[in-house]
Amino acid sequence: MRSLNHSTAFAKAPARVQLDPDLTRVRAMWITALGVMFLIASAFNAAARGAPESFADLAEQISPSVVNITTSTTVAGRGAPRGIVPEGSPFEDFFREFQDRGGNEGDRPRRSSALGSGFVISEDGYIVTNNHVIEGADQIMIEFFEGFELPATLVGTDPNTDIALLKVEADRPLSFVTFGNSDEARVGDWVMAMGNPLGQGFSVSAGIISQFGRALSGAYDDYIQTDAAINRGNSGGPLFNMDGDVIGVNTAILSPNGGSIGIGFSMASNVVTRVVDQLKEFGETRRGWLGVRIQDVTDEIAEAIGMEDVAGALVTDVPPGPGLEAGIEAGDVIISFDGVDVDDTRGLVRQVGATEVGKTVRVVVMRDGESQTIAVTLGRRETAESAVPAAQPGAEPEEPQELEVLGLTLMPLSDEMREQLELPGTATGLVVSDVDEGSAAFEKGLRAGDLITEAGQEKVTTLDAFTAQMDAAKEAGRKSLLLLVRRAGDPRFVALSLDEG
């Protein structure tokens, strides 16, 4: 109504309008400007929602930084034709001759070549690729988009993330690309891959991000899944966002036939950058080490220990190391590490590994229903297993006893059983002598020969102690009993329903 009355007033006073022509021009200019702004905003929104009109400009921009990688490896001669005839067979010489076609080349070392991709990350010649592209190579040759080739030296590798860093020496600054923040990308964003698929060289493919946080086999896996075509030979090549930043390193595909079916995996740039920085500085990775063994918290485990949320990482063992020195105990549930909530074991492993060695971090654990904060100074991750303590004299042999409960047949641990199960003299607990194949215990992987060292987060060495922990759990309203089970020295927690008791 206001606009209508205002317009009517102007119509009844034409002289007033004619006396103020500047106002009319100003209004017209504002209307035109607003219209242009609206059209620009509409075009911007449409471009953001729809597919790019072309990838040509982006491909032209980044192509000089992408490289083809050829490796050469010396492999031993075939020697005897194993697998065709039995060793020592009178036909052995015949088949060797057939293989070598009249020569002795089958016994000589041979050269084997492989192809892959990579990309330059600095003008002085650092190149990123996959570890599996150059693993075991004697010679590494880099082919650049402009057509020249340079030999590369290996700076360092990280098999855990399948990343390798190479270096070439050029007589001029090289074109390079920069890493983007993979955490800022979203499912559905457009991405472009470039590499050397099937030896074709410098091929471009485009698609979208299908998902984040994919894991294939490694503890540090953080793959971006994409439907951009990735094939053999694309390994080590870059995955770009629409700004021309690298947000992933193309590493693997999921395929029944070896070719692209739209399920490709690129290691996220926020993992790669940390690895590359360490390889450049040290020639190797140096990951933080907390020194605990952990497993995921399940619904049953959460209920058994009185946790409301199914989250965190349950500590199953604390061998000598930073965790033990700081006071972390088996049975603790790590719910926060260095100020970040812990969702599961995979997240904790990645976070600890990404933290610098020697840093003191705050670790929040749930213990006996209460949270505690523990300061831990991280060590460097070790791959060797902890040493087994020296054997000590055991107790006198106990009279044979058995307890059938929760689908298990339990017996106290004797010296004879320690010897049979190859356990150290310090081992204590109850031995599982049999498991009912129709029980939940069998479904959850318990087997004869397992050693139960804790029940209800209390050590158990006698059958009476085990029964007492069952009764205590029932009195506390628990529906399940948490057991700490060891097999070949490796611990894990298992929650069994008390309904089977």
Protein backbone atom coordinates (compact mmCIF):
# COMPACT_ATOMS: atom_id res chain seq x y z
CA MET A 1 0.00 0.00 0.00
CA ARG A 2 2.83 2.38 0.73
CA SER A 3 4.24 2.06 -2.76
CA LEU A 4 0.84 2.51 -4.33
CA ASN A 5 0.10 5.73 -2.38
CA HIS A 6 3.56 7.07 -3.13
CA SER A 7 3.06 6.48 -6.87
CA THR A 8 -0.33 8.16 -6.79
CA ALA A 9 1.11 11.23 -5.09
CA PHE A 10 3.69 11.59 -7.83
CA ALA A 11 0.99 11.31 -10.49
CA LYS A 12 -0.98 14.16 -8.98
CA ALA A 13 2.04 16.47 -8.85
CA PRO A 14 3.77 16.29 -12.24
CA ALA A 15 5.33 19.73 -11.79
CA ARG A 16 7.20 18.51 -8.76
CA VAL A 17 8.67 15.62 -10.74
CA GLN A 18 9.74 17.86 -13.58
CA LEU A 19 11.49 20.18 -11.17
CA ASP A 20 13.67 17.28 -9.84
CA PRO A 21 15.10 15.43 -12.88
CA ASP A 22 18.24 14.35 -10.95
CA LEU A 23 16.10 12.25 -8.62
CA THR A 24 14.65 10.39 -11.59
CA ARG A 25 18.09 9.68 -13.00
CA VAL A 26 19.39 8.48 -9.63
CA ARG A 27 16.42 6.14 -9.25
CA ALA A 28 16.97 4.78 -12.74
CA MET A 29 20.67 4.23 -12.06
CA TRP A 30 19.90 2.35 -8.82
CA ILE A 31 17.32 0.17 -10.55
CA THR A 32 19.81 -0.65 -13.32
CA ALA A 33 22.58 -1.44 -10.84
CA LEU A 34 20.31 -3.67 -8.78
CA GLY A 35 19.27 -5.50 -11.93
CA VAL A 36 22.88 -6.09 -12.95
CA MET A 37 23.76 -7.31 -9.46
CA PHE A 38 20.80 -9.68 -9.52
CA LEU A 39 21.87 -11.12 -12.88
CA ILE A 40 25.47 -11.58 -11.66
CA ALA A 41 24.29 -13.30 -8.48
CA SER A 42 21.97 -15.55 -10.47
CA ALA A 43 24.76 -16.49 -12.86
CA PHE A 44 27.13 -17.17 -9.94
CA ASN A 45 24.61 -19.39 -8.18
CA ALA A 46 23.85 -21.25 -11.38
CA ALA A 47 27.57 -21.85 -11.98
CA ALA A 48 28.01 -23.06 -8.40
CA ARG A 49 25.13 -25.50 -8.73
CA GLY A 50 25.78 -26.77 -12.24
CA ALA A 51 28.67 -28.39 -14.08
CA PRO A 52 31.52 -26.19 -15.32
CA GLU A 53 31.07 -25.11 -18.90
CA SER A 54 34.53 -26.49 -19.67
CA PHE A 55 37.57 -27.90 -17.89
CA ALA A 56 39.89 -26.65 -20.63
CA ASP A 57 41.24 -23.59 -18.81
CA LEU A 58 41.97 -25.60 -15.67
CA ALA A 59 43.62 -28.40 -17.64
CA GLU A 60 45.81 -25.89 -19.47
CA GLN A 61 46.76 -24.26 -16.18
CA ILE A 62 47.88 -27.40 -14.33
CA SER A 63 49.21 -29.64 -17.14
CA PRO A 64 52.84 -28.42 -16.99
CA SER A 65 53.06 -29.56 -13.36
CA VAL A 66 51.87 -33.14 -13.92
CA VAL A 67 54.46 -35.75 -14.89
CA ASN A 68 54.68 -39.27 -16.22
CA ILE A 69 56.94 -41.62 -14.27
CA THR A 70 58.80 -44.57 -15.76
CA THR A 71 60.70 -46.93 -13.50
CA SER A 72 63.20 -49.62 -14.35
CA THR A 73 63.99 -52.58 -12.11
CA THR A 74 66.45 -55.44 -12.39
CA VAL A 75 64.83 -58.80 -11.71
CA ALA A 76 66.52 -62.15 -11.34
CA GLY A 77 66.46 -64.67 -14.15
CA ARG A 78 63.81 -67.32 -14.23
CA GLY A 79 66.25 -70.16 -13.66
CA ALA A 80 64.56 -73.53 -13.68
CA PRO A 81 60.98 -73.63 -15.01
CA ARG A 82 59.39 -74.09 -11.59
CA GLY A 83 55.74 -74.92 -11.45
CA ILE A 84 55.81 -76.58 -14.89
CA VAL A 85 57.61 -79.83 -14.08
CA PRO A 86 58.93 -81.27 -10.80
CA GLU A 87 62.46 -80.25 -9.86
CA GLY A 88 64.94 -82.84 -11.09
CA SER A 89 62.56 -84.09 -13.79
CA PRO A 90 64.18 -85.32 -17.03
CA PHE A 91 61.92 -82.84 -18.84
CA GLU A 92 63.31 -79.87 -16.86
CA ASP A 93 65.99 -79.02 -19.43
CA PHE A 94 63.51 -79.37 -22.27
CA PHE A 95 61.05 -76.87 -20.78
CA ARG A 96 63.84 -74.43 -19.90
CA GLU A 97 65.00 -74.59 -23.51
CA PHE A 98 61.44 -74.02 -24.70
CA GLN A 99 61.08 -70.97 -22.47
CA ASP A 100 64.38 -69.43 -23.52
CA ARG A 101 63.87 -70.20 -27.21
CA GLY A 102 67.37 -71.55 -27.76
CA GLY A 103 69.26 -69.06 -25.51
CA ASN A 104 70.35 -68.74 -21.92
CA GLU A 105 68.59 -65.42 -21.37
CA GLY A 106 66.17 -67.00 -18.94
CA ASP A 107 68.98 -67.34 -16.41
CA ARG A 108 70.18 -63.76 -16.80
CA PRO A 109 68.87 -60.75 -14.89
CA ARG A 110 66.16 -58.89 -16.79
CA ARG A 111 64.94 -55.29 -16.82
CA SER A 112 61.32 -54.68 -15.87
CA SER A 113 59.57 -51.35 -16.47
CA ALA A 114 56.50 -49.78 -14.88
CA LEU A 115 54.50 -46.62 -15.49
CA GLY A 116 52.88 -44.18 -13.12
CA SER A 117 52.08 -40.53 -12.51
CA GLY A 118 53.16 -37.72 -10.24
CA PHE A 119 53.15 -33.94 -9.84
CA VAL A 120 55.67 -31.21 -9.10
CA ILE A 121 55.17 -29.33 -5.81
CA SER A 122 58.07 -26.86 -5.94
CA GLU A 123 60.03 -24.98 -8.58
CA ASP A 124 63.26 -26.65 -7.41
CA GLY A 125 62.02 -30.09 -8.43
CA TYR A 126 60.26 -31.96 -5.61
CA ILE A 127 57.75 -34.47 -7.00
CA VAL A 128 55.03 -36.44 -5.20
CA THR A 129 53.87 -39.88 -6.32
CA ASN A 130 52.78 -43.22 -4.83
CA ASN A 131 55.23 -45.49 -3.07
CA HIS A 132 54.03 -48.47 -5.08
CA VAL A 133 54.90 -46.66 -8.32
CA ILE A 134 58.64 -46.48 -7.51
CA GLU A 135 59.06 -49.28 -4.95
CA GLY A 136 62.15 -51.37 -5.71
CA ALA A 137 63.08 -49.27 -8.73
CA ASP A 138 66.74 -48.97 -9.80
CA GLN A 139 66.07 -46.02 -12.11
CA ILE A 140 63.31 -43.41 -12.07
CA MET A 141 62.73 -41.24 -15.13
CA ILE A 142 60.39 -38.24 -15.14
CA GLU A 143 58.70 -37.11 -18.36
CA PHE A 144 57.38 -33.56 -18.32
CA PHE A 145 54.42 -32.15 -20.22
CA GLU A 146 56.70 -29.97 -22.35
CA GLY A 147 58.42 -33.10 -23.67
CA PHE A 148 61.76 -33.24 -21.83
CA GLU A 149 62.91 -35.93 -19.39
CA LEU A 150 64.96 -35.86 -16.19
CA PRO A 151 66.22 -38.64 -13.88
CA ALA A 152 64.86 -38.54 -10.34
CA THR A 153 66.33 -39.52 -7.00
CA LEU A 154 64.28 -40.92 -4.14
CA VAL A 155 64.01 -38.59 -1.12
CA GLY A 156 61.85 -40.86 1.04
CA THR A 157 58.79 -43.07 1.18
CA ASP A 158 55.92 -43.83 3.54
CA PRO A 159 54.39 -47.25 2.82
CA ASN A 160 51.69 -46.61 5.45
CA THR A 161 50.08 -43.92 3.28
CA ASP A 162 51.63 -45.12 -0.02
CA ILE A 163 53.33 -41.76 -0.59
CA ALA A 164 56.81 -41.17 -2.04
CA LEU A 165 58.81 -37.97 -2.54
CA LEU A 166 61.22 -37.62 -5.47
CA LYS A 167 63.67 -34.90 -6.54
CA VAL A 168 64.92 -33.83 -9.96
CA GLU A 169 67.63 -31.32 -10.83
CA ALA A 170 66.56 -28.91 -13.57
CA ASP A 171 68.40 -25.99 -15.14
CA ARG A 172 65.36 -23.74 -14.78
CA PRO A 173 62.47 -23.28 -12.35
CA LEU A 174 59.75 -25.89 -12.88
CA SER A 175 56.00 -25.32 -13.03
CA PHE A 176 54.39 -26.61 -9.86
CA VAL A 177 51.04 -26.94 -8.11
CA THR A 178 50.06 -26.37 -4.48
CA PHE A 179 48.08 -28.45 -2.03
CA GLY A 180 44.57 -27.42 -1.05
CA ASN A 181 42.67 -28.13 2.14
CA SER A 182 40.88 -31.46 1.64
CA ASP A 183 38.78 -30.80 4.76
CA GLU A 184 37.10 -27.88 3.00
CA ALA A 185 35.91 -30.01 0.08
CA ARG A 186 32.39 -31.41 0.09
CA VAL A 187 30.65 -34.47 -1.26
CA GLY A 188 29.35 -33.50 -4.71
CA ASP A 189 32.15 -31.02 -5.51
CA TRP A 190 33.64 -31.22 -8.99
CA VAL A 191 37.18 -32.59 -9.23
CA MET A 192 39.61 -33.33 -12.04
CA ALA A 193 42.24 -36.08 -12.24
CA MET A 194 45.27 -36.06 -14.49
CA GLY A 195 47.89 -38.70 -15.12
CA ASN A 196 49.25 -41.49 -17.27
CA PRO A 197 46.47 -44.11 -17.51
CA LEU A 198 47.56 -47.31 -19.22
CA GLY A 199 50.61 -45.49 -20.57
CA GLN A 200 48.58 -43.03 -22.62
CA GLY A 201 50.15 -40.03 -20.91
CA PHE A 202 48.77 -36.67 -19.75
CA SER A 203 45.12 -37.64 -19.79
CA VAL A 204 42.42 -35.62 -18.04
CA SER A 205 39.24 -36.98 -16.45
CA ALA A 206 36.59 -35.24 -14.38
CA GLY A 207 33.92 -36.21 -11.89
CA ILE A 208 32.70 -35.42 -8.42
CA ILE A 209 33.67 -36.31 -4.88
CA SER A 210 31.58 -39.33 -3.94
CA GLN A 211 32.55 -39.59 -0.25
CA PHE A 212 35.26 -38.87 2.32
CA GLY A 213 37.06 -40.87 4.98
CA ARG A 214 37.30 -44.15 3.09
CA ALA A 215 39.68 -46.77 4.51
CA LEU A 216 41.21 -49.57 2.44
CA SER A 217 43.78 -51.41 4.54
CA GLY A 218 46.03 -49.05 6.46
CA ALA A 219 45.68 -47.51 9.92
CA TYR A 220 46.33 -44.05 8.50
CA ASP A 221 43.99 -44.31 5.50
CA ASP A 222 41.90 -41.24 4.73
CA TYR A 223 40.81 -41.60 1.13
CA ILE A 224 38.59 -39.37 -0.96
CA GLN A 225 36.30 -41.47 -3.13
CA THR A 226 35.64 -40.07 -6.61
CA ASP A 227 33.96 -41.14 -9.83
CA ALA A 228 36.54 -39.32 -11.97
CA ALA A 229 38.05 -42.02 -14.20
CA ILE A 230 41.20 -43.47 -12.60
CA ASN A 231 42.97 -46.44 -14.19
CA ARG A 232 46.27 -48.25 -13.93
CA GLY A 233 49.00 -45.71 -14.54
CA ASN A 234 47.05 -42.93 -12.81
CA SER A 235 48.66 -43.96 -9.51
CA GLY A 236 50.50 -41.04 -7.94
CA GLY A 237 48.74 -38.44 -10.03
CA PRO A 238 46.89 -35.43 -8.59
CA LEU A 239 43.20 -34.91 -7.90
CA PHE A 240 42.39 -31.21 -8.35
CA ASN A 241 39.58 -29.01 -7.11
CA MET A 242 38.20 -26.32 -9.37
CA ASP A 243 40.74 -23.80 -8.05
CA GLY A 244 43.61 -25.92 -9.36
CA ASP A 245 44.73 -27.05 -5.91
CA VAL A 246 45.68 -30.67 -5.21
CA ILE A 247 43.27 -32.19 -2.68
CA GLY A 248 44.24 -35.82 -3.20
CA VAL A 249 46.79 -38.26 -4.63
CA ASN A 250 45.18 -40.90 -6.85
CA THR A 251 46.12 -44.26 -5.37
CA ALA A 252 43.65 -47.10 -5.94
CA ILE A 253 40.48 -48.22 -7.66
CA LEU A 254 37.76 -50.69 -6.78
CA SER A 255 37.05 -52.79 -9.84
CA PRO A 256 36.15 -56.37 -10.77
CA ASN A 257 37.97 -56.10 -14.11
CA GLY A 258 40.97 -53.87 -13.41
CA GLY A 259 39.46 -50.84 -15.17
CA SER A 260 37.61 -47.80 -13.91
CA ILE A 261 33.99 -48.32 -12.91
CA GLY A 262 33.68 -44.99 -11.16
CA ILE A 263 35.06 -45.98 -7.74
CA GLY A 264 38.49 -44.44 -7.31
CA PHE A 265 40.40 -43.45 -4.18
CA SER A 266 42.75 -40.53 -3.60
CA MET A 267 44.72 -40.04 -0.39
CA ALA A 268 43.49 -36.78 1.15
CA SER A 269 45.88 -33.84 0.84
CA ASN A 270 45.77 -33.06 4.56
CA VAL A 271 47.38 -36.47 5.18
CA VAL A 272 49.81 -36.14 2.27
CA THR A 273 51.14 -32.71 3.24
CA ARG A 274 52.22 -33.90 6.68
CA VAL A 275 53.96 -36.92 5.18
CA VAL A 276 55.68 -34.86 2.47
CA ASP A 277 56.93 -32.29 4.98
CA GLN A 278 58.51 -35.02 7.09
CA LEU A 279 60.02 -36.81 4.10
CA LYS A 280 61.51 -33.54 2.92
CA GLU A 281 62.96 -32.74 6.35
CA PHE A 282 64.00 -36.17 7.62
CA GLY A 283 63.82 -38.54 4.64
CA GLU A 284 61.34 -40.60 6.66
CA THR A 285 58.14 -40.17 8.64
CA ARG A 286 58.19 -39.53 12.39
CA ARG A 287 54.79 -40.21 13.90
CA GLY A 288 53.67 -39.80 17.46
CA TRP A 289 53.42 -42.95 19.59
CA LEU A 290 51.05 -43.27 22.54
CA GLY A 291 52.03 -46.84 23.38
CA VAL A 292 48.65 -48.51 24.00
CA ARG A 293 46.68 -51.27 22.33
CA ILE A 294 43.07 -50.35 21.67
CA GLN A 295 39.77 -51.58 20.27
CA ASP A 296 36.45 -49.99 19.39
CA VAL A 297 33.71 -49.58 21.99
CA THR A 298 30.63 -51.61 21.01
CA ASP A 299 27.09 -51.27 22.34
CA GLU A 300 27.59 -54.24 24.63
CA ILE A 301 30.95 -53.02 25.91
CA ALA A 302 29.52 -49.56 26.60
CA GLU A 303 26.67 -51.12 28.57
CA ALA A 304 29.02 -53.43 30.44
CA ILE A 305 31.19 -50.57 31.71
CA GLY A 306 28.36 -48.12 32.26
CA MET A 307 29.03 -45.68 29.40
CA GLU A 308 26.09 -43.79 27.92
CA ASP A 309 27.74 -43.07 24.55
CA VAL A 310 29.21 -45.67 22.22
CA ALA A 311 32.41 -43.79 21.45
CA GLY A 312 36.07 -43.69 22.30
CA ALA A 313 38.87 -46.24 22.18
CA LEU A 314 39.05 -49.00 24.79
CA VAL A 315 42.58 -49.70 26.02
CA THR A 316 43.24 -53.45 26.01
CA ASP A 317 46.91 -53.40 26.97
CA VAL A 318 49.60 -50.92 27.99
CA PRO A 319 53.07 -52.24 27.18
CA PRO A 320 56.17 -50.31 28.26
CA GLY A 321 56.04 -46.89 26.63
CA PRO A 322 54.65 -43.37 26.97
CA GLY A 323 51.15 -44.50 27.98
CA LEU A 324 52.38 -46.74 30.77
CA GLU A 325 54.75 -44.08 32.09
CA ALA A 326 51.91 -41.53 32.17
CA GLY A 327 49.51 -43.84 34.02
CA ILE A 328 47.10 -45.08 31.36
CA GLU A 329 45.67 -48.48 32.34
CA ALA A 330 44.04 -51.40 30.54
CA GLY A 331 40.27 -50.90 30.70
CA ASP A 332 40.50 -47.11 30.29
CA VAL A 333 38.37 -45.65 27.52
CA ILE A 334 40.13 -42.79 25.74
CA ILE A 335 37.44 -40.20 24.95
CA SER A 336 39.61 -37.21 24.10
CA PHE A 337 43.12 -36.74 22.75
CA ASP A 338 44.86 -33.36 22.63
CA GLY A 339 41.53 -31.53 22.87
CA VAL A 340 39.78 -33.54 20.14
CA ASP A 341 36.97 -36.02 20.86
CA VAL A 342 37.80 -39.63 20.00
CA ASP A 343 35.06 -41.37 18.00
CA ASP A 344 36.78 -44.70 17.40
CA THR A 345 40.15 -46.41 17.26
CA ARG A 346 40.82 -45.44 13.65
CA GLY A 347 40.37 -41.77 14.42
CA LEU A 348 42.65 -42.01 17.45
CA VAL A 349 45.40 -43.81 15.54
CA ARG A 350 45.37 -41.18 12.80
CA GLN A 351 45.36 -38.32 15.30
CA VAL A 352 48.22 -39.73 17.38
CA GLY A 353 50.24 -40.42 14.24
CA ALA A 354 49.74 -36.85 13.04
CA THR A 355 51.02 -35.39 16.32
CA GLU A 356 54.69 -34.50 16.56
CA VAL A 357 57.05 -36.68 18.55
CA GLY A 358 57.88 -35.28 21.98
CA LYS A 359 54.71 -33.22 22.37
CA THR A 360 52.94 -33.44 25.73
CA VAL A 361 49.20 -33.91 25.17
CA ARG A 362 46.18 -34.19 27.42
CA VAL A 363 44.44 -37.55 27.21
CA VAL A 364 41.00 -37.80 28.81
CA VAL A 365 39.95 -41.31 29.83
CA MET A 366 36.89 -42.87 31.46
CA ARG A 367 37.92 -45.04 34.38
CA ASP A 368 35.49 -46.62 36.86
CA GLY A 369 32.72 -44.37 35.58
CA GLU A 370 34.66 -41.12 36.03
CA SER A 371 36.74 -39.05 33.64
CA GLN A 372 40.42 -38.43 34.31
CA THR A 373 42.90 -36.24 32.44
CA ILE A 374 46.39 -37.67 31.92
CA ALA A 375 49.36 -35.78 30.48
CA VAL A 376 51.32 -37.97 28.08
CA THR A 377 54.56 -37.09 26.32
CA LEU A 378 54.45 -38.87 22.99
CA GLY A 379 57.31 -41.05 21.83
CA ARG A 380 58.14 -42.10 18.31
CA ARG A 381 56.07 -44.95 16.91
CA GLU A 382 57.76 -48.30 17.22
CA THR A 383 57.13 -51.31 15.00
CA ALA A 384 58.82 -53.93 17.16
CA GLU A 385 56.69 -55.85 19.62
CA SER A 386 57.31 -55.31 23.30
CA ALA A 387 59.71 -57.76 24.92
CA VAL A 388 58.13 -60.65 26.79
CA PRO A 389 59.00 -60.57 30.51
CA ALA A 390 61.31 -63.31 31.75
CA ALA A 391 59.53 -66.34 33.16
CA GLN A 392 59.15 -66.56 36.91
CA PRO A 393 58.37 -69.56 39.10
CA GLY A 394 54.66 -70.30 39.05
CA ALA A 395 52.28 -71.47 41.70
CA GLU A 396 51.84 -75.07 42.67
CA PRO A 397 49.62 -77.10 40.34
CA GLU A 398 45.97 -76.71 41.25
CA GLU A 399 43.45 -79.49 41.43
CA PRO A 400 41.48 -79.83 38.17
CA GLN A 401 38.34 -77.71 38.24
CA GLU A 402 35.90 -76.61 35.62
CA LEU A 403 33.14 -74.04 35.33
CA GLU A 404 30.63 -74.04 32.51
CA VAL A 405 29.20 -70.55 32.10
CA LEU A 406 28.28 -68.08 29.31
CA GLY A 407 28.91 -70.81 26.73
CA LEU A 408 32.46 -71.31 28.03
CA THR A 409 34.20 -74.08 29.91
CA LEU A 410 36.79 -72.44 32.16
CA MET A 411 39.72 -73.88 34.11
CA PRO A 412 42.31 -72.24 36.37
CA LEU A 413 45.69 -71.73 34.74
CA SER A 414 48.28 -74.29 35.84
CA ASP A 415 52.01 -74.57 35.13
CA GLU A 416 51.32 -77.41 32.74
CA MET A 417 48.83 -75.28 30.80
CA ARG A 418 51.30 -72.39 30.71
CA GLU A 419 53.78 -74.69 29.02
CA GLN A 420 51.21 -76.10 26.59
CA LEU A 421 49.95 -72.62 25.65
CA GLU A 422 53.50 -71.20 25.57
CA LEU A 423 52.59 -68.52 28.11
CA PRO A 424 55.13 -66.66 30.24
CA GLY A 425 55.43 -67.62 33.87
CA THR A 426 53.86 -64.29 34.87
CA ALA A 427 50.62 -65.04 33.01
CA THR A 428 47.52 -65.38 35.20
CA GLY A 429 43.86 -65.98 34.51
CA LEU A 430 41.40 -68.66 33.48
CA VAL A 431 41.89 -70.90 30.48
CA VAL A 432 39.03 -71.53 28.05
CA SER A 433 39.08 -75.30 27.58
CA ASP A 434 35.95 -75.47 25.41
CA VAL A 435 33.40 -73.18 23.73
CA ASP A 436 29.81 -74.09 22.90
CA GLU A 437 29.54 -73.57 19.14
CA GLY A 438 25.95 -72.38 19.52
CA SER A 439 26.82 -69.68 22.02
CA ALA A 440 27.38 -65.95 21.62
CA ALA A 441 30.91 -66.50 22.93
CA PHE A 442 31.69 -68.69 19.90
CA GLU A 443 30.13 -66.13 17.51
CA LYS A 444 32.34 -63.43 19.02
CA GLY A 445 35.48 -65.42 18.34
CA LEU A 446 36.35 -67.05 21.68
CA ARG A 447 38.11 -70.37 21.25
CA ALA A 448 39.68 -73.10 23.33
CA GLY A 449 43.11 -72.01 24.48
CA ASP A 450 42.14 -68.38 25.05
CA LEU A 451 43.15 -66.90 28.39
CA ILE A 452 40.67 -64.72 30.32
CA THR A 453 42.63 -62.37 32.56
CA GLU A 454 39.87 -59.97 33.63
CA ALA A 455 36.11 -60.09 34.18
CA GLY A 456 34.18 -56.93 34.94
CA GLN A 457 37.50 -55.03 34.73
CA GLU A 458 38.89 -56.99 37.68
CA LYS A 459 41.65 -59.60 37.48
CA VAL A 460 40.41 -63.17 37.85
CA THR A 461 42.61 -66.12 38.73
CA THR A 462 40.03 -68.47 40.27
CA LEU A 463 36.62 -69.76 39.22
CA ASP A 464 35.09 -68.29 42.38
CA ALA A 465 36.42 -64.85 41.44
CA PHE A 466 34.86 -65.15 38.00
CA THR A 467 31.49 -66.12 39.48
CA ALA A 468 31.71 -63.23 41.93
CA GLN A 469 32.22 -60.76 39.07
CA MET A 470 29.16 -62.18 37.30
CA ASP A 471 27.08 -61.71 40.45
CA ALA A 472 28.40 -58.17 40.93
CA ALA A 473 27.50 -57.24 37.36
CA LYS A 474 23.96 -58.56 37.84
CA GLU A 475 23.55 -56.70 41.12
CA ALA A 476 24.67 -53.50 39.38
CA GLY A 477 21.96 -54.01 36.75
CA ARG A 478 24.39 -54.87 33.96
CA LYS A 479 23.14 -56.98 31.07
CA SER A 480 26.59 -58.16 30.03
CA LEU A 481 29.99 -58.99 31.49
CA LEU A 482 33.17 -57.49 30.04
CA LEU A 483 36.03 -59.99 29.62
CA LEU A 484 39.66 -59.28 28.77
CA VAL A 485 40.81 -62.14 26.58
CA ARG A 486 44.36 -62.85 25.46
CA ARG A 487 45.40 -65.04 22.57
CA ALA A 488 49.06 -65.43 21.63
CA GLY A 489 49.76 -62.43 23.81
CA ASP A 490 47.32 -60.14 22.01
CA PRO A 491 44.52 -58.75 24.21
CA ARG A 492 40.98 -57.74 23.33
CA PHE A 493 37.80 -57.04 25.27
CA VAL A 494 34.64 -59.08 24.67
CA ALA A 495 31.25 -58.41 26.24
CA LEU A 496 29.06 -61.49 26.82
CA SER A 497 25.40 -61.38 27.69
CA LEU A 498 24.63 -62.50 31.24
CA ASP A 499 21.40 -64.06 30.00
CA GLU A 500 23.46 -67.10 28.97
CA GLY A 501 24.84 -67.43 32.52
